Protein backbone atom coordinates (compact mmCIF):
# COMPACT_ATOMS: atom_id res chain seq x y z
CA UNK A 1 -22.39 9.47 33.76
CA UNK A 2 -19.71 12.13 33.70
CA UNK A 3 -19.90 15.44 31.88
CA UNK A 4 -16.19 16.30 32.27
CA UNK A 5 -14.86 18.37 29.41
CA UNK A 6 -15.20 21.65 27.60
CA UNK A 7 -18.43 22.41 25.76
CA UNK A 8 -19.23 25.18 23.30
CA UNK A 9 -22.73 26.29 22.33
CA UNK A 10 -23.49 24.95 18.87
CA UNK A 11 -26.78 26.76 18.32
CA UNK A 12 -29.52 28.62 20.20
CA UNK A 13 -32.81 27.75 18.54
CA UNK A 14 -35.49 30.34 19.41
CA UNK A 15 -33.17 31.89 22.01
CA UNK A 16 -34.16 35.49 21.23
CA UNK A 17 -37.88 34.64 21.50
CA UNK A 18 -37.21 32.87 24.80
CA UNK A 19 -35.37 35.91 26.17
CA UNK A 20 -38.14 38.21 24.94
CA UNK A 21 -40.72 36.11 26.81
CA UNK A 22 -38.53 36.35 29.91
CA UNK A 23 -38.75 40.14 29.69
CA UNK A 24 -35.13 40.76 28.68
CA UNK A 25 -34.81 44.02 26.75
CA UNK A 26 -33.81 44.19 23.09
CA UNK A 27 -30.28 45.52 23.73
CA UNK A 28 -29.43 42.61 26.05
CA UNK A 29 -31.00 40.14 23.61
CA UNK A 30 -28.84 41.44 20.76
CA UNK A 31 -25.71 41.23 22.93
CA UNK A 32 -26.55 37.63 23.87
CA UNK A 33 -26.55 36.64 20.18
CA UNK A 34 -22.77 37.19 20.19
CA UNK A 35 -21.97 35.64 23.56
CA UNK A 36 -19.70 32.77 22.31
CA UNK A 37 -20.33 30.75 25.50
CA UNK A 38 -17.89 28.00 26.43
CA UNK A 39 -18.46 25.81 29.49
CA UNK A 40 -15.86 23.66 31.24
CA UNK A 41 -17.31 20.97 33.53
CA UNK A 42 -15.49 19.01 36.23
CA UNK A 43 -17.62 16.35 37.93
CA UNK A 44 -16.61 14.39 41.02
CA UNK A 45 -19.52 12.17 42.07
CA UNK A 46 -22.45 14.47 42.92
CA UNK A 47 -20.26 17.59 43.03
CA UNK A 48 -19.72 19.85 40.02
CA UNK A 49 -17.38 22.73 39.24
CA UNK A 50 -18.38 24.69 36.15
CA UNK A 51 -16.51 27.55 34.53
CA UNK A 52 -18.51 29.66 32.09
CA UNK A 53 -16.46 31.76 29.68
CA UNK A 54 -18.04 34.14 27.22
CA UNK A 55 -17.44 37.39 25.42
CA UNK A 56 -18.95 39.29 28.35
CA UNK A 57 -17.94 37.44 31.52
CA UNK A 58 -16.22 34.51 33.17
CA UNK A 59 -17.95 32.81 36.10
CA UNK A 60 -17.10 29.83 38.35
CA UNK A 61 -19.97 27.79 39.79
CA UNK A 62 -19.80 25.02 42.38
CA UNK A 63 -22.83 22.91 43.28
CA UNK A 64 -23.96 19.51 44.48
CA UNK A 65 -26.76 17.55 42.81
CA UNK A 66 -30.06 17.87 44.67
CA UNK A 67 -28.96 20.96 46.61
CA UNK A 68 -30.48 24.31 45.52
CA UNK A 69 -28.05 27.15 44.85
CA UNK A 70 -28.31 30.77 43.77
CA UNK A 71 -27.10 31.78 40.33
CA UNK A 72 -26.75 35.17 38.66
CA UNK A 73 -27.58 35.31 34.95
CA UNK A 74 -25.44 37.43 32.62
CA UNK A 75 -27.97 40.28 32.83
CA UNK A 76 -27.81 40.30 36.65
CA UNK A 77 -31.05 38.38 37.19
CA UNK A 78 -30.93 36.17 40.28
CA UNK A 79 -32.36 32.66 40.14
CA UNK A 80 -32.34 29.64 42.44
CA UNK A 81 -31.34 26.44 40.64
CA UNK A 82 -31.46 22.77 41.57
CA UNK A 83 -30.36 19.77 39.54
CA UNK A 84 -31.98 16.52 40.75
CA UNK A 85 -29.75 13.61 41.76
CA UNK A 86 -31.49 11.16 39.47
CA UNK A 87 -33.54 11.89 36.41
CA UNK A 88 -33.94 10.66 32.87
CA UNK A 89 -33.16 14.03 31.32
CA UNK A 90 -30.68 16.87 31.83
CA UNK A 91 -33.48 19.33 32.60
CA UNK A 92 -32.95 21.55 35.64
CA UNK A 93 -35.38 23.14 38.05
CA UNK A 94 -35.18 26.91 38.38
CA UNK A 95 -37.09 29.45 40.37
CA UNK A 96 -36.55 33.16 40.64
CA UNK A 97 -37.26 36.61 39.38
CA UNK A 98 -36.21 36.85 35.79
CA UNK A 99 -35.92 39.55 33.19
CA UNK A 100 -36.39 43.27 33.33
CA UNK A 101 -40.06 42.85 34.24
CA UNK A 102 -39.22 41.04 37.49
CA UNK A 103 -41.61 38.16 36.77
CA UNK A 104 -41.42 35.09 38.99
CA UNK A 105 -40.87 31.90 37.00
CA UNK A 106 -40.48 28.26 37.81
CA UNK A 107 -39.32 25.77 35.24
C-alpha cells in the first residue's frame, strides 16, 4: 500500500484533552488549534520522506519502516518513533519524554 500524496488534517477529535493529558500548557494547546497541518508523503518501498507544513513550522522527515528514529514535536518535545513493517493498522509506536511535565510515555 502506498501513501503517496498530500494530506490535510480534517479534524482533531479530543485533541486539546489529549495535549492536556500529555502535559502541554494551555498557550501551546491554543496555538495547536490553529496549526493547519498539511503532510506530503513520498513512499518508496519501506522508505518514507514526509514533509510537514503548518502555520508554525515546516519539517522534513526521512525514515524506514521498522527502524526507530528521533522526532521533535512542534513544542520541542523529543520522542523516539518506530513504524512496524507489517501491521493491520496505521498505529505507530512512540517512546519519549513528552509535554512540559517531562513524563515518559510509550504508546
